[in-house]
C-alpha cells in the first residue's frame, strides 16, 4: 500500500525480496501462517521465500492443511508454516540476503 510522503506524493512500499522475507519472519514469530496469509500481505512467492529463510539457517516446518477462503471455497493441501528456530544473527540484519540468490 502507498502512503503520502512529506511532499504529498504517494510513497511506495518496499516489496523487495528482502522486505518480503523480513515480513514473513515477523509474521511467523507471532504464529504459524499459511501460504494464503503471506499472499494477502504482499508476499509474491511464499514457498521460495521460505526456502531462502531455511537457507539462512531458520528451521521452518510445513504441514498441509485445508483452508476456506473469504468466498467459502475449500482449498485442500495448503502449506502452513511454523518457525521452530531462528538464528540470532537474523534478528540483527536489516537486510536478509541469501547467499547465491542471484
N, C-alpha and C. Protein backbone atom coordinates (compact mmCIF):
# COMPACT_ATOMS: atom_id res chain seq x y z
N UNK A 1 0.84 -1.18 0.00
CA UNK A 1 0.00 0.00 0.00
C UNK A 1 0.89 1.24 0.00
N UNK A 2 0.37 2.28 -0.55
CA UNK A 2 1.11 3.53 -0.58
C UNK A 2 0.58 4.47 0.48
N UNK A 3 1.46 5.32 0.97
CA UNK A 3 1.06 6.33 1.94
C UNK A 3 1.69 7.65 1.51
N UNK A 4 1.06 8.78 1.84
CA UNK A 4 1.60 10.06 1.41
C UNK A 4 2.95 10.35 2.07
N UNK A 5 3.85 10.91 1.29
CA UNK A 5 5.14 11.31 1.84
C UNK A 5 5.09 12.80 2.17
N UNK A 6 6.20 13.34 2.64
CA UNK A 6 6.26 14.74 3.05
C UNK A 6 5.92 15.70 1.90
N UNK A 7 6.24 15.32 0.66
CA UNK A 7 5.97 16.21 -0.48
C UNK A 7 4.58 15.99 -1.07
N UNK A 8 3.75 15.16 -0.43
CA UNK A 8 2.38 14.95 -0.89
C UNK A 8 2.23 13.83 -1.90
N UNK A 9 3.31 13.32 -2.41
CA UNK A 9 3.25 12.21 -3.36
C UNK A 9 3.11 10.89 -2.61
N UNK A 10 2.52 9.92 -3.27
CA UNK A 10 2.38 8.60 -2.67
C UNK A 10 3.76 7.94 -2.57
N UNK A 11 4.02 7.37 -1.44
CA UNK A 11 5.28 6.69 -1.19
C UNK A 11 5.05 5.19 -1.41
N UNK A 12 5.90 4.56 -2.18
CA UNK A 12 5.75 3.14 -2.47
C UNK A 12 6.27 2.30 -1.30
N UNK A 13 5.56 1.19 -1.06
CA UNK A 13 6.01 0.24 -0.05
C UNK A 13 7.17 -0.56 -0.63
N UNK A 14 8.10 -0.95 0.23
CA UNK A 14 9.20 -1.79 -0.19
C UNK A 14 8.70 -3.23 -0.29
N UNK A 15 8.68 -3.76 -1.50
CA UNK A 15 8.25 -5.14 -1.70
C UNK A 15 9.39 -5.97 -2.29
N UNK A 16 10.62 -5.58 -1.95
CA UNK A 16 11.78 -6.34 -2.40
C UNK A 16 11.77 -7.72 -1.76
N UNK A 17 12.57 -8.60 -2.30
CA UNK A 17 12.69 -9.95 -1.75
C UNK A 17 13.09 -9.89 -0.28
N UNK A 18 14.04 -9.01 0.05
CA UNK A 18 14.49 -8.87 1.44
C UNK A 18 13.34 -8.41 2.34
N UNK A 19 12.57 -7.45 1.87
CA UNK A 19 11.44 -6.95 2.65
C UNK A 19 10.39 -8.04 2.84
N UNK A 20 10.18 -8.86 1.82
CA UNK A 20 9.22 -9.95 1.94
C UNK A 20 9.68 -10.98 2.98
N UNK A 21 10.98 -11.28 2.97
CA UNK A 21 11.50 -12.23 3.98
C UNK A 21 11.35 -11.67 5.38
N UNK A 22 11.65 -10.39 5.56
CA UNK A 22 11.50 -9.77 6.88
C UNK A 22 10.04 -9.78 7.33
N UNK A 23 9.14 -9.49 6.40
CA UNK A 23 7.71 -9.50 6.71
C UNK A 23 7.27 -10.90 7.13
N UNK A 24 7.73 -11.91 6.39
CA UNK A 24 7.37 -13.29 6.72
C UNK A 24 7.91 -13.70 8.09
N UNK A 25 9.15 -13.33 8.37
CA UNK A 25 9.73 -13.66 9.68
C UNK A 25 8.92 -13.01 10.80
N UNK A 26 8.56 -11.77 10.64
CA UNK A 26 7.77 -11.08 11.66
C UNK A 26 6.44 -11.79 11.88
N UNK A 27 5.81 -12.22 10.80
CA UNK A 27 4.53 -12.92 10.90
C UNK A 27 4.70 -14.28 11.58
N UNK A 28 5.76 -15.01 11.20
CA UNK A 28 5.99 -16.34 11.75
C UNK A 28 6.40 -16.30 13.22
N UNK A 29 7.00 -15.21 13.66
CA UNK A 29 7.37 -15.09 15.07
C UNK A 29 6.12 -15.06 15.96
N UNK A 30 5.01 -14.58 15.43
CA UNK A 30 3.78 -14.49 16.21
C UNK A 30 2.99 -15.79 16.23
N UNK A 31 2.91 -16.46 15.07
CA UNK A 31 2.14 -17.71 14.99
C UNK A 31 2.36 -18.36 13.64
N UNK A 32 2.02 -19.65 13.50
CA UNK A 32 2.12 -20.30 12.20
C UNK A 32 1.23 -19.58 11.17
N UNK A 33 1.66 -19.58 9.92
CA UNK A 33 0.94 -18.87 8.86
C UNK A 33 0.83 -19.73 7.61
N UNK A 34 -0.23 -19.50 6.85
CA UNK A 34 -0.45 -20.25 5.62
C UNK A 34 0.03 -19.45 4.41
N UNK A 35 0.15 -20.14 3.31
CA UNK A 35 0.50 -19.51 2.04
C UNK A 35 -0.45 -18.36 1.74
N UNK A 36 -1.74 -18.56 1.95
CA UNK A 36 -2.72 -17.52 1.66
C UNK A 36 -2.51 -16.28 2.52
N UNK A 37 -2.16 -16.48 3.79
CA UNK A 37 -1.91 -15.32 4.67
C UNK A 37 -0.73 -14.51 4.17
N UNK A 38 0.34 -15.19 3.75
CA UNK A 38 1.50 -14.48 3.22
C UNK A 38 1.14 -13.71 1.94
N UNK A 39 0.38 -14.34 1.06
CA UNK A 39 0.00 -13.67 -0.19
C UNK A 39 -0.86 -12.44 0.08
N UNK A 40 -1.75 -12.55 1.06
CA UNK A 40 -2.58 -11.38 1.40
C UNK A 40 -1.75 -10.21 1.90
N UNK A 41 -0.57 -10.51 2.43
CA UNK A 41 0.33 -9.46 2.94
C UNK A 41 1.36 -9.02 1.90
N UNK A 42 1.19 -9.44 0.66
CA UNK A 42 2.05 -8.96 -0.41
C UNK A 42 3.26 -9.80 -0.73
N UNK A 43 3.36 -11.00 -0.18
CA UNK A 43 4.48 -11.89 -0.49
C UNK A 43 4.12 -12.63 -1.77
N UNK A 44 4.90 -12.41 -2.82
CA UNK A 44 4.53 -12.92 -4.13
C UNK A 44 4.78 -14.41 -4.32
N UNK A 45 5.76 -14.98 -3.68
CA UNK A 45 6.09 -16.40 -3.84
C UNK A 45 6.50 -16.96 -2.48
N UNK A 46 5.52 -17.23 -1.60
CA UNK A 46 5.85 -17.65 -0.24
C UNK A 46 6.77 -18.87 -0.14
N UNK A 47 6.55 -19.88 -0.98
CA UNK A 47 7.38 -21.09 -0.89
C UNK A 47 8.85 -20.79 -1.15
N UNK A 48 9.13 -19.93 -2.10
CA UNK A 48 10.52 -19.56 -2.39
C UNK A 48 11.12 -18.77 -1.24
N UNK A 49 10.35 -17.83 -0.68
CA UNK A 49 10.86 -17.05 0.46
C UNK A 49 11.15 -17.97 1.65
N UNK A 50 10.30 -18.98 1.88
CA UNK A 50 10.54 -19.95 2.97
C UNK A 50 11.83 -20.70 2.69
N UNK A 51 12.03 -21.13 1.46
CA UNK A 51 13.26 -21.84 1.08
C UNK A 51 14.48 -20.97 1.37
N UNK A 52 14.39 -19.69 1.06
CA UNK A 52 15.51 -18.77 1.31
C UNK A 52 15.75 -18.60 2.81
N UNK A 53 14.70 -18.50 3.60
CA UNK A 53 14.86 -18.38 5.06
C UNK A 53 15.50 -19.64 5.64
N UNK A 54 15.13 -20.80 5.12
CA UNK A 54 15.75 -22.05 5.57
C UNK A 54 17.23 -22.05 5.22
N UNK A 55 17.58 -21.56 4.01
CA UNK A 55 18.99 -21.48 3.61
C UNK A 55 19.78 -20.54 4.51
N UNK A 56 19.09 -19.55 5.10
CA UNK A 56 19.74 -18.62 6.03
C UNK A 56 19.85 -19.18 7.45
N UNK A 57 19.34 -20.39 7.67
CA UNK A 57 19.50 -21.03 8.96
C UNK A 57 18.24 -21.18 9.79
N UNK A 58 17.11 -20.71 9.29
CA UNK A 58 15.85 -20.86 10.04
C UNK A 58 15.37 -22.30 9.93
N UNK A 59 14.76 -22.78 10.99
CA UNK A 59 14.10 -24.08 10.98
C UNK A 59 12.60 -23.80 10.87
N UNK A 60 12.06 -24.06 9.69
CA UNK A 60 10.65 -23.80 9.43
C UNK A 60 10.02 -25.11 8.99
N UNK A 61 9.02 -25.53 9.70
CA UNK A 61 8.31 -26.77 9.38
C UNK A 61 7.04 -26.43 8.63
N UNK A 62 6.69 -27.27 7.68
CA UNK A 62 5.45 -27.06 6.95
C UNK A 62 4.55 -28.29 7.09
N UNK A 63 3.28 -28.03 7.18
CA UNK A 63 2.28 -29.08 7.18
C UNK A 63 1.23 -28.69 6.15
N UNK A 64 0.46 -29.63 5.72
CA UNK A 64 -0.60 -29.35 4.75
C UNK A 64 -1.93 -29.32 5.49
N UNK A 65 -2.69 -28.28 5.21
CA UNK A 65 -3.99 -28.10 5.85
C UNK A 65 -5.02 -27.76 4.78
N UNK A 66 -6.29 -27.86 5.16
CA UNK A 66 -7.37 -27.42 4.30
C UNK A 66 -7.86 -26.09 4.84
N UNK A 67 -7.94 -25.09 3.97
CA UNK A 67 -8.43 -23.78 4.39
C UNK A 67 -9.66 -23.40 3.58
N UNK A 68 -10.41 -22.47 4.10
CA UNK A 68 -11.58 -21.95 3.41
C UNK A 68 -11.32 -20.47 3.17
N UNK A 69 -11.47 -20.05 1.92
CA UNK A 69 -11.19 -18.64 1.59
C UNK A 69 -12.38 -17.75 1.93
N UNK A 70 -12.23 -16.47 1.68
CA UNK A 70 -13.26 -15.49 2.01
C UNK A 70 -14.58 -15.70 1.29
N UNK A 71 -14.55 -16.43 0.18
CA UNK A 71 -15.76 -16.72 -0.58
C UNK A 71 -16.39 -18.05 -0.19
N UNK A 72 -15.80 -18.74 0.79
CA UNK A 72 -16.35 -20.00 1.25
C UNK A 72 -15.87 -21.23 0.50
N UNK A 73 -14.88 -21.07 -0.38
CA UNK A 73 -14.35 -22.21 -1.13
C UNK A 73 -13.25 -22.90 -0.32
N UNK A 74 -13.30 -24.22 -0.31
CA UNK A 74 -12.31 -25.02 0.40
C UNK A 74 -11.09 -25.26 -0.48
N UNK A 75 -9.91 -25.14 0.12
CA UNK A 75 -8.65 -25.38 -0.59
C UNK A 75 -7.84 -26.41 0.19
N UNK A 76 -7.79 -27.66 -0.30
CA UNK A 76 -7.02 -28.69 0.40
C UNK A 76 -5.52 -28.56 0.14
N UNK A 77 -4.73 -29.05 1.07
CA UNK A 77 -3.27 -29.15 0.96
C UNK A 77 -2.57 -27.81 0.81
N UNK A 78 -3.04 -26.81 1.53
CA UNK A 78 -2.37 -25.50 1.58
C UNK A 78 -1.25 -25.61 2.60
N UNK A 79 -0.09 -25.05 2.29
CA UNK A 79 1.04 -25.11 3.21
C UNK A 79 0.81 -24.18 4.40
N UNK A 80 1.04 -24.72 5.59
CA UNK A 80 1.03 -23.96 6.85
C UNK A 80 2.45 -24.04 7.39
N UNK A 81 3.07 -22.88 7.60
CA UNK A 81 4.47 -22.81 8.02
C UNK A 81 4.58 -22.41 9.48
N UNK A 82 5.52 -23.06 10.19
CA UNK A 82 5.76 -22.75 11.59
C UNK A 82 7.25 -22.56 11.82
N UNK A 83 7.61 -21.42 12.40
CA UNK A 83 9.00 -21.12 12.72
C UNK A 83 9.38 -21.84 14.01
N UNK A 84 10.33 -22.77 13.91
CA UNK A 84 10.79 -23.53 15.07
C UNK A 84 12.06 -22.93 15.68
N UNK A 85 12.91 -22.36 14.82
CA UNK A 85 14.18 -21.79 15.28
C UNK A 85 14.59 -20.70 14.31
N UNK A 86 15.14 -19.63 14.88
CA UNK A 86 15.67 -18.53 14.09
C UNK A 86 17.05 -18.17 14.62
N UNK A 87 18.09 -18.22 13.78
CA UNK A 87 19.41 -17.86 14.26
C UNK A 87 19.43 -16.41 14.76
N UNK A 88 20.16 -16.17 15.82
CA UNK A 88 20.22 -14.83 16.42
C UNK A 88 20.70 -13.79 15.42
N UNK A 89 21.58 -14.16 14.52
CA UNK A 89 22.13 -13.20 13.56
C UNK A 89 21.05 -12.63 12.64
N UNK A 90 19.97 -13.36 12.38
CA UNK A 90 18.90 -12.86 11.52
C UNK A 90 18.17 -11.70 12.17
N UNK A 91 18.06 -11.71 13.48
CA UNK A 91 17.38 -10.63 14.19
C UNK A 91 18.14 -9.32 14.04
N UNK A 92 19.43 -9.39 13.82
CA UNK A 92 20.27 -8.20 13.79
C UNK A 92 20.49 -7.66 12.39
N UNK A 93 20.13 -8.42 11.37
CA UNK A 93 20.40 -8.00 10.00
C UNK A 93 19.19 -7.28 9.41
N UNK A 94 19.34 -6.01 9.06
CA UNK A 94 18.22 -5.30 8.45
C UNK A 94 17.88 -5.81 7.06
N UNK A 95 18.88 -6.35 6.35
CA UNK A 95 18.64 -6.88 5.01
C UNK A 95 19.07 -8.34 4.98
N UNK A 96 18.08 -9.21 4.88
CA UNK A 96 18.37 -10.65 4.79
C UNK A 96 18.72 -10.96 3.34
N UNK A 97 19.97 -11.26 3.11
CA UNK A 97 20.36 -11.60 1.75
C UNK A 97 20.80 -13.05 1.72
N UNK A 98 20.22 -13.79 0.81
CA UNK A 98 20.54 -15.20 0.68
C UNK A 98 21.80 -15.35 -0.13
N UNK A 99 22.73 -16.18 0.34
CA UNK A 99 23.91 -16.45 -0.48
C UNK A 99 23.50 -17.09 -1.80
N UNK A 100 24.13 -16.68 -2.86
CA UNK A 100 23.89 -17.22 -4.20
C UNK A 100 22.43 -17.05 -4.65
N UNK A 101 21.78 -15.98 -4.25
CA UNK A 101 20.39 -15.77 -4.61
C UNK A 101 20.22 -15.01 -5.93
N UNK A 102 21.27 -14.90 -6.70
CA UNK A 102 21.19 -14.14 -7.96
C UNK A 102 20.48 -14.91 -9.03
